[in-house]
């Protein structure tokens, strides 16, 4: 006769216990609390080139207008006209993250201009400027989120803490 083993009456259960699942959830929560703010700052910093590139293009347009204008001024025609009218660059609100505005001074200071990039949407609160001398400034930052002005304010902020 064959020697048989009796069948086990209870099947072996596999899976995770509630404690194991809770530990994994806690670890994921801690990691996301650390990673999300860093990612958010990374995404904000990734949008700065759209402002700086736009300002560079607008500055080039103003310089070209200055060179082409026989009076060598940044404004032409009715200098009291609205922002951008009769100047080397015009205001632009079609950008996804920044609106650009160009202002030029009337006579006798028609040799000056200021171009601003004002943040909108996720970039609201950021404003960068450049003028005819190439002086870059950070006009505003959203201070409630930890951003601050560079010191001295002679550049465009690129990281929290006023780092350029």
Protein backbone atom coordinates (compact mmCIF):
# COMPACT_ATOMS: atom_id res chain seq x y z
CA UNK A 1 0.00 0.00 0.00
CA UNK A 2 1.07 3.49 -0.76
CA UNK A 3 1.79 5.89 1.92
CA UNK A 4 -0.15 9.04 1.20
CA UNK A 5 -0.10 12.35 2.86
CA UNK A 6 -3.40 13.83 3.75
CA UNK A 7 -4.37 17.01 1.93
CA UNK A 8 -4.04 20.23 3.86
CA UNK A 9 -7.42 21.51 4.79
CA UNK A 10 -6.46 25.17 4.56
CA UNK A 11 -4.93 26.68 1.46
CA UNK A 12 -1.81 28.75 1.91
CA UNK A 13 -2.65 32.45 1.54
CA UNK A 14 -0.32 34.88 -0.21
CA UNK A 15 -0.32 38.67 -0.34
CA UNK A 16 0.53 41.68 1.78
CA UNK A 17 -0.57 42.41 5.26
CA UNK A 18 -2.27 45.67 6.14
CA UNK A 19 0.84 46.81 8.03
CA UNK A 20 3.07 46.26 4.99
CA UNK A 21 0.70 48.26 2.77
CA UNK A 22 0.54 51.10 5.32
CA UNK A 23 4.35 51.28 5.48
CA UNK A 24 4.59 51.52 1.69
CA UNK A 25 1.93 54.26 1.60
CA UNK A 26 3.80 56.22 4.30
CA UNK A 27 7.09 55.95 2.40
CA UNK A 28 5.47 57.12 -0.85
CA UNK A 29 3.83 60.06 0.97
CA UNK A 30 7.15 61.17 2.48
CA UNK A 31 8.95 60.93 -0.85
CA UNK A 32 6.25 62.92 -2.64
CA UNK A 33 6.34 65.64 0.05
CA UNK A 34 10.04 66.09 -0.68
CA UNK A 35 9.92 65.69 -4.46
CA UNK A 36 6.90 67.81 -5.42
CA UNK A 37 8.22 71.22 -4.27
CA UNK A 38 11.51 70.54 -6.04
CA UNK A 39 9.69 69.60 -9.21
CA UNK A 40 7.48 72.70 -9.02
CA UNK A 41 10.56 74.95 -8.71
CA UNK A 42 12.20 73.08 -11.57
CA UNK A 43 9.15 73.69 -13.76
CA UNK A 44 9.14 77.43 -12.90
CA UNK A 45 12.85 77.74 -13.68
CA UNK A 46 12.22 75.98 -16.99
CA UNK A 47 9.93 78.83 -18.07
CA UNK A 48 12.47 81.61 -17.52
CA UNK A 49 14.13 81.17 -20.94
CA UNK A 50 10.90 82.23 -22.64
CA UNK A 51 11.19 85.58 -20.82
CA UNK A 52 14.90 86.10 -21.34
CA UNK A 53 14.77 85.09 -25.01
CA UNK A 54 11.79 87.37 -25.63
CA UNK A 55 13.55 90.28 -23.94
CA UNK A 56 16.65 89.70 -26.07
CA UNK A 57 14.58 89.68 -29.26
CA UNK A 58 12.75 92.86 -28.28
CA UNK A 59 16.03 94.55 -27.34
CA UNK A 60 17.44 93.64 -30.76
CA UNK A 61 14.37 95.12 -32.44
CA UNK A 62 14.82 98.36 -30.51
CA UNK A 63 18.51 98.58 -31.44
CA UNK A 64 17.70 97.93 -35.10
CA UNK A 65 15.06 100.68 -35.01
CA UNK A 66 17.61 103.03 -33.42
CA UNK A 67 20.16 102.34 -36.16
CA UNK A 68 17.62 102.69 -38.97
CA UNK A 69 16.14 105.92 -37.58
CA UNK A 70 18.00 108.99 -38.91
CA UNK A 71 17.47 110.77 -35.58
CA UNK A 72 18.96 107.81 -33.65
CA UNK A 73 16.14 107.57 -31.16
CA UNK A 74 14.13 104.59 -29.95
CA UNK A 75 10.78 106.20 -30.67
CA UNK A 76 9.36 107.73 -33.80
CA UNK A 77 6.26 109.58 -34.87
CA UNK A 78 3.92 110.36 -32.02
CA UNK A 79 6.06 109.55 -28.96
CA UNK A 80 3.07 110.08 -26.68
CA UNK A 81 1.25 107.20 -28.38
CA UNK A 82 0.36 104.01 -26.56
CA UNK A 83 2.98 101.52 -25.45
CA UNK A 84 4.86 100.11 -28.41
CA UNK A 85 3.38 102.42 -31.06
CA UNK A 86 6.00 104.18 -33.15
CA UNK A 87 8.83 102.18 -31.59
CA UNK A 88 11.22 99.45 -32.57
CA UNK A 89 9.23 96.79 -30.77
CA UNK A 90 5.60 96.35 -29.93
CA UNK A 91 3.83 94.91 -26.93
CA UNK A 92 3.13 91.19 -27.18
CA UNK A 93 0.59 89.29 -25.12
CA UNK A 94 0.62 86.08 -27.15
CA UNK A 95 3.22 84.28 -25.02
CA UNK A 96 2.20 81.33 -22.87
CA UNK A 97 4.04 82.43 -19.73
CA UNK A 98 5.01 86.10 -20.25
CA UNK A 99 3.56 89.31 -21.71
CA UNK A 100 6.03 91.79 -23.16
CA UNK A 101 5.71 95.56 -23.17
CA UNK A 102 8.03 98.18 -24.64
CA UNK A 103 8.17 101.73 -23.36
CA UNK A 104 10.23 104.54 -24.76
CA UNK A 105 10.72 108.00 -23.38
CA UNK A 106 9.59 111.03 -25.35
CA UNK A 107 11.76 114.04 -26.13
CA UNK A 108 14.28 114.99 -24.90
CA UNK A 109 15.00 111.50 -23.58
CA UNK A 110 14.00 109.66 -26.75
CA UNK A 111 17.25 107.74 -26.48
CA UNK A 112 15.92 105.47 -23.73
CA UNK A 113 13.64 102.46 -23.51
CA UNK A 114 12.56 99.79 -21.07
CA UNK A 115 11.25 96.38 -22.06
CA UNK A 116 9.34 94.32 -19.50
CA UNK A 117 8.39 90.65 -19.37
CA UNK A 118 5.45 90.22 -16.99
CA UNK A 119 4.59 86.68 -15.91
CA UNK A 120 1.14 85.21 -16.27
CA UNK A 121 -0.45 81.89 -15.38
CA UNK A 122 2.00 79.73 -13.45
CA UNK A 123 4.61 82.51 -13.79
CA UNK A 124 2.43 85.25 -12.28
CA UNK A 125 4.40 87.53 -9.99
CA UNK A 126 7.64 87.47 -11.99
CA UNK A 127 8.64 90.62 -13.89
CA UNK A 128 11.95 91.09 -15.66
CA UNK A 129 13.18 94.25 -17.39
CA UNK A 130 16.01 95.41 -19.63
CA UNK A 131 16.84 98.92 -20.82
CA UNK A 132 18.87 100.63 -23.55
CA UNK A 133 22.14 100.15 -21.65
CA UNK A 134 21.51 96.41 -21.32
CA UNK A 135 20.88 96.70 -17.57
CA UNK A 136 18.86 93.68 -16.45
CA UNK A 137 16.67 93.84 -13.37
CA UNK A 138 14.19 91.60 -11.63
CA UNK A 139 11.29 93.98 -11.06
CA UNK A 140 9.13 91.58 -9.04
CA UNK A 141 9.02 88.01 -7.75
CA UNK A 142 6.30 86.06 -5.91
CA UNK A 143 7.83 86.37 -2.43
CA UNK A 144 5.14 84.23 -0.78
CA UNK A 145 6.60 81.16 -2.51
CA UNK A 146 10.17 81.71 -1.32
CA UNK A 147 11.55 83.69 -4.25
CA UNK A 148 13.52 86.84 -3.51
CA UNK A 149 15.34 89.62 -5.33
CA UNK A 150 19.00 89.31 -6.24
CA UNK A 151 21.30 91.66 -4.38
CA UNK A 152 22.33 93.88 -6.04
CA UNK A 153 19.39 93.80 -8.42
CA UNK A 154 21.44 93.79 -11.61
CA UNK A 155 20.35 90.50 -13.13
CA UNK A 156 17.37 88.23 -13.70
CA UNK A 157 16.71 85.88 -10.81
CA UNK A 158 16.90 82.21 -11.83
CA UNK A 159 16.68 80.35 -8.52
CA UNK A 160 15.13 80.81 -5.10
CA UNK A 161 17.10 82.94 -2.71
CA UNK A 162 17.84 85.68 -5.25
CA UNK A 163 20.37 83.64 -7.24
CA UNK A 164 21.05 84.83 -10.77
